[in-house]
Amino acid sequence: MLFKEKHIKKIVRGEKTMTRRTHKRTLKVGRVYGLRSRYFDKSKHLIKITRKFRQRVGDITPEDIRKEGYETLDDFKRAWVEINGRWDPDELVWVYEFEKAFT
């Protein structure tokens, strides 16, 4: 899975356990995925998907904001726009919860 380097660091520290994705291809619950910041990089860390569901991006809760690795909705929105280019609270996304995996 691709993440920005700052998000990989949050995952490794246990500060990020959830991600929202706009892609049509879904990830599988129970599967382990490698974390990469660039497409062809080798994965150094692994996560296991523990839950997935669909949600409007604007329906994120304060608890989910913390699971995403942010303190406030404004912080999350800024990161969302940086990654996705715009904030549309009605956009339907896939939400994935995960835990660090060890091999």
Protein backbone atom coordinates (compact mmCIF):
# COMPACT_ATOMS: atom_id res chain seq x y z
CA MET A 1 0.00 0.00 0.00
CA LEU A 2 1.22 3.44 -0.81
CA PHE A 3 1.40 6.02 1.97
CA LYS A 4 3.23 9.30 2.32
CA GLU A 5 6.42 8.83 4.33
CA LYS A 6 5.01 10.89 7.23
CA HIS A 7 2.04 8.50 7.42
CA ILE A 8 4.29 5.44 7.43
CA LYS A 9 6.12 6.94 10.41
CA LYS A 10 2.77 7.44 12.20
CA ILE A 11 1.82 3.82 11.48
CA VAL A 12 5.13 2.51 12.80
CA ARG A 13 4.68 4.59 15.99
CA GLY A 14 1.11 3.27 16.39
CA GLU A 15 -0.46 6.70 15.84
CA LYS A 16 -2.29 5.77 12.61
CA THR A 17 -4.52 2.68 12.42
CA MET A 18 -7.03 3.76 9.78
CA THR A 19 -6.99 5.05 6.22
CA ARG A 20 -9.56 6.23 3.71
CA ARG A 21 -9.16 5.45 0.02
CA THR A 22 -10.97 6.68 -3.09
CA HIS A 23 -9.85 3.81 -5.34
CA LYS A 24 -12.24 1.30 -6.83
CA ARG A 25 -9.99 -1.69 -6.15
CA THR A 26 -10.62 -2.81 -2.59
CA LEU A 27 -8.27 -4.37 -0.10
CA LYS A 28 -9.11 -7.63 1.65
CA VAL A 29 -9.80 -8.01 5.36
CA GLY A 30 -7.28 -10.39 6.92
CA ARG A 31 -4.65 -9.80 4.24
CA VAL A 32 -1.20 -8.41 5.01
CA TYR A 33 0.10 -5.52 2.87
CA GLY A 34 3.53 -3.93 2.69
CA LEU A 35 3.89 -0.19 3.26
CA ARG A 36 5.69 1.85 0.62
CA SER A 37 6.08 5.55 -0.04
CA ARG A 38 6.89 4.98 -3.73
CA TYR A 39 5.47 2.43 -6.11
CA PHE A 40 8.70 0.47 -6.72
CA ASP A 41 10.16 0.73 -3.20
CA LYS A 42 10.63 -2.40 -1.15
CA SER A 43 8.29 -2.69 1.86
CA LYS A 44 9.98 -2.38 5.25
CA HIS A 45 6.79 -2.56 7.33
CA LEU A 46 3.61 -4.61 7.12
CA ILE A 47 0.00 -4.02 8.12
CA LYS A 48 -2.96 -6.38 8.33
CA ILE A 49 -6.42 -5.11 7.32
CA THR A 50 -8.82 -5.82 10.19
CA ARG A 51 -11.98 -4.05 8.97
CA LYS A 52 -13.34 -2.29 5.90
CA PHE A 53 -16.49 -0.34 5.16
CA ARG A 54 -17.88 2.41 2.93
CA GLN A 55 -18.52 5.91 4.23
CA ARG A 56 -18.87 9.48 3.05
CA VAL A 57 -15.55 11.18 3.78
CA GLY A 58 -17.44 13.98 5.57
CA ASP A 59 -18.92 11.48 8.06
CA ILE A 60 -15.55 10.95 9.77
CA THR A 61 -15.89 10.96 13.57
CA PRO A 62 -13.52 12.54 16.12
CA GLU A 63 -12.40 9.02 17.08
CA ASP A 64 -11.70 8.20 13.43
CA ILE A 65 -9.71 11.41 13.05
CA ARG A 66 -7.41 10.19 15.84
CA LYS A 67 -7.18 6.73 14.20
CA GLU A 68 -6.15 8.52 10.99
CA GLY A 69 -3.28 10.08 12.96
CA TYR A 70 -4.66 13.61 13.34
CA GLU A 71 -5.86 15.75 16.23
CA THR A 72 -8.55 17.84 14.51
CA LEU A 73 -10.89 17.72 11.53
CA ASP A 74 -9.07 20.70 10.04
CA ASP A 75 -5.75 18.83 10.22
CA PHE A 76 -7.33 15.81 8.54
CA LYS A 77 -8.95 17.96 5.85
CA ARG A 78 -5.62 19.63 5.03
CA ALA A 79 -3.94 16.24 4.64
CA TRP A 80 -6.87 14.94 2.56
CA VAL A 81 -6.64 17.88 0.15
CA GLU A 82 -2.86 17.50 -0.08
CA ILE A 83 -3.28 13.85 -1.12
CA ASN A 84 -6.55 13.94 -3.08
CA GLY A 85 -6.66 17.50 -4.40
CA ARG A 86 -10.05 18.50 -2.99
CA TRP A 87 -12.44 18.07 -0.07
CA ASP A 88 -15.92 16.82 -1.00
CA PRO A 89 -17.72 15.70 2.17
CA ASP A 90 -20.17 13.65 0.06
CA GLU A 91 -17.45 11.61 -1.64
CA LEU A 92 -17.90 7.91 -0.94
CA VAL A 93 -14.66 6.23 0.15
CA TRP A 94 -13.43 2.91 1.44
CA VAL A 95 -12.35 3.00 5.09
CA TYR A 96 -9.76 0.48 6.27
CA GLU A 97 -8.73 -0.25 9.83
CA PHE A 98 -5.44 -2.07 10.26
CA GLU A 99 -2.81 -3.19 12.71
CA LYS A 100 0.91 -3.61 12.39
CA ALA A 101 1.82 -7.10 11.20
CA PHE A 102 4.99 -8.99 11.94
CA THR A 103 6.60 -11.71 9.88
